[in-house]
Amino acid sequence: AILTGVAFSCASRQMMVAIGWCGAHVVNVPVTVSEIGALLPATMIANSLPLSPGGVGVGETVGALGFSRLGYPAWTGSETLLLVRLASVSWALPGLVAWLASRPKTAQAAPGST
């Protein structure tokens, strides 16, 4: 069970790196897979800091700093991270719908019967 969890975690990280790489190329940044693979964990950690609701803006700022340190324009880091965030939300929403649909229906008490 632990190895399965580790395998799914590694696969998820690789998908995020691939999406980050694609997102960088959408905004015309010739970033390498190793560069985006080094930047994304830092931005994910920054997103988890309780500095803003949902980490909005924090990860993008770290991405801008990271991209500027690699010699790319800072705005490309922010845009790339926004695309990564959009992608992660877009594949989480079908999961939410599936989870809500699979929940067992509970009987609700009639109004005034308590």
Protein backbone atom coordinates (compact mmCIF):
# COMPACT_ATOMS: atom_id res chain seq x y z
CA ALA A 1 0.00 0.00 0.00
CA ILE A 2 2.85 2.38 0.79
CA LEU A 3 4.61 1.65 -2.50
CA THR A 4 1.37 2.30 -4.37
CA GLY A 5 1.03 5.65 -2.63
CA VAL A 6 4.63 6.56 -3.45
CA ALA A 7 4.10 5.54 -7.07
CA PHE A 8 0.96 7.69 -7.38
CA SER A 9 2.76 10.61 -5.72
CA CYS A 10 5.70 10.36 -8.13
CA ALA A 11 3.34 10.11 -11.10
CA SER A 12 1.45 13.18 -9.89
CA ARG A 13 4.68 15.18 -9.56
CA GLN A 14 5.77 14.14 -13.04
CA MET A 15 2.41 15.27 -14.43
CA MET A 16 2.84 18.65 -12.72
CA VAL A 17 6.31 19.04 -14.20
CA ALA A 18 4.98 18.16 -17.66
CA ILE A 19 2.14 20.66 -17.29
CA GLY A 20 4.57 23.32 -16.04
CA TRP A 21 6.84 22.67 -19.00
CA CYS A 22 3.91 22.92 -21.42
CA GLY A 23 2.68 26.07 -19.68
CA ALA A 24 6.09 27.68 -19.98
CA HIS A 25 6.17 26.90 -23.68
CA VAL A 26 2.68 28.39 -24.10
CA VAL A 27 4.12 31.74 -22.94
CA ASN A 28 7.19 31.22 -25.18
CA VAL A 29 9.77 30.43 -22.51
CA PRO A 30 12.29 27.78 -23.60
CA VAL A 31 12.59 26.37 -20.08
CA THR A 32 13.98 22.85 -19.71
CA VAL A 33 12.27 20.01 -17.89
CA SER A 34 14.99 20.03 -15.22
CA GLU A 35 14.54 23.77 -14.62
CA ILE A 36 10.78 23.51 -14.25
CA GLY A 37 11.25 20.36 -12.16
CA ALA A 38 13.44 22.33 -9.77
CA LEU A 39 11.10 25.35 -9.59
CA LEU A 40 7.74 23.65 -9.15
CA PRO A 41 8.42 22.05 -5.75
CA ALA A 42 9.46 25.45 -4.37
CA THR A 43 6.30 27.04 -5.68
CA MET A 44 4.14 24.24 -4.28
CA ILE A 45 5.74 24.70 -0.86
CA ALA A 46 5.17 28.46 -1.12
CA ASN A 47 1.52 27.84 -2.03
CA SER A 48 1.06 25.88 1.19
CA LEU A 49 2.20 28.80 3.38
CA PRO A 50 -0.82 30.45 5.02
CA LEU A 51 -0.08 33.93 3.66
CA SER A 52 -3.16 34.31 1.47
CA PRO A 53 -6.36 32.35 0.88
CA GLY A 54 -5.42 29.27 -1.11
CA GLY A 55 -1.86 30.53 -1.59
CA VAL A 56 -3.07 32.72 -4.45
CA GLY A 57 -0.28 35.06 -5.48
CA VAL A 58 2.35 33.48 -3.27
CA GLY A 59 3.30 30.66 -5.64
CA GLU A 60 3.17 33.01 -8.60
CA THR A 61 5.57 35.39 -6.84
CA VAL A 62 7.99 32.55 -6.10
CA GLY A 63 7.66 31.40 -9.70
CA ALA A 64 8.46 34.90 -10.95
CA LEU A 65 11.50 35.04 -8.68
CA GLY A 66 12.67 31.60 -9.81
CA PHE A 67 12.24 32.34 -13.50
CA SER A 68 14.06 35.66 -13.13
CA ARG A 69 16.96 33.88 -11.39
CA LEU A 70 17.16 31.55 -14.39
CA GLY A 71 17.41 34.54 -16.74
CA TYR A 72 13.83 34.59 -17.99
CA PRO A 73 11.46 37.55 -17.61
CA ALA A 74 9.73 37.48 -14.21
CA TRP A 75 6.24 37.77 -15.70
CA THR A 76 6.72 34.45 -17.48
CA GLY A 77 7.07 32.71 -14.12
CA SER A 78 3.81 34.18 -12.88
CA GLU A 79 1.96 33.26 -16.06
CA THR A 80 3.37 29.74 -16.09
CA LEU A 81 2.29 29.17 -12.49
CA LEU A 82 -1.17 30.54 -13.21
CA LEU A 83 -1.48 28.01 -16.04
CA VAL A 84 -0.35 25.22 -13.70
CA ARG A 85 -2.92 26.34 -11.10
CA LEU A 86 -5.64 26.44 -13.76
CA ALA A 87 -4.72 22.94 -14.92
CA SER A 88 -4.78 21.54 -11.38
CA VAL A 89 -8.20 23.05 -10.74
CA SER A 90 -9.52 21.78 -14.07
CA TRP A 91 -8.69 18.17 -13.24
CA ALA A 92 -9.84 18.50 -9.61
CA LEU A 93 -13.36 19.61 -10.55
CA PRO A 94 -14.35 16.34 -12.27
CA GLY A 95 -13.05 14.52 -9.20
CA LEU A 96 -15.27 16.66 -6.98
CA VAL A 97 -18.29 15.92 -9.15
CA ALA A 98 -17.54 12.19 -9.10
CA TRP A 99 -17.09 12.23 -5.32
CA LEU A 100 -20.36 14.10 -4.79
CA ALA A 101 -22.18 11.68 -7.10
CA SER A 102 -20.79 8.63 -5.30
CA ARG A 103 -21.73 9.73 -1.79
CA PRO A 104 -24.49 7.65 -0.26
CA LYS A 105 -27.80 9.41 0.05
CA THR A 106 -28.81 10.01 3.66
CA ALA A 107 -32.38 10.22 4.77
CA GLN A 108 -33.27 13.71 5.93
CA ALA A 109 -35.76 14.30 8.68
CA ALA A 110 -38.97 16.01 7.72
CA PRO A 111 -39.19 19.66 8.82
CA GLY A 112 -40.62 20.00 12.30
CA SER A 113 -40.20 16.31 13.22
CA THR A 114 -37.28 16.80 15.61
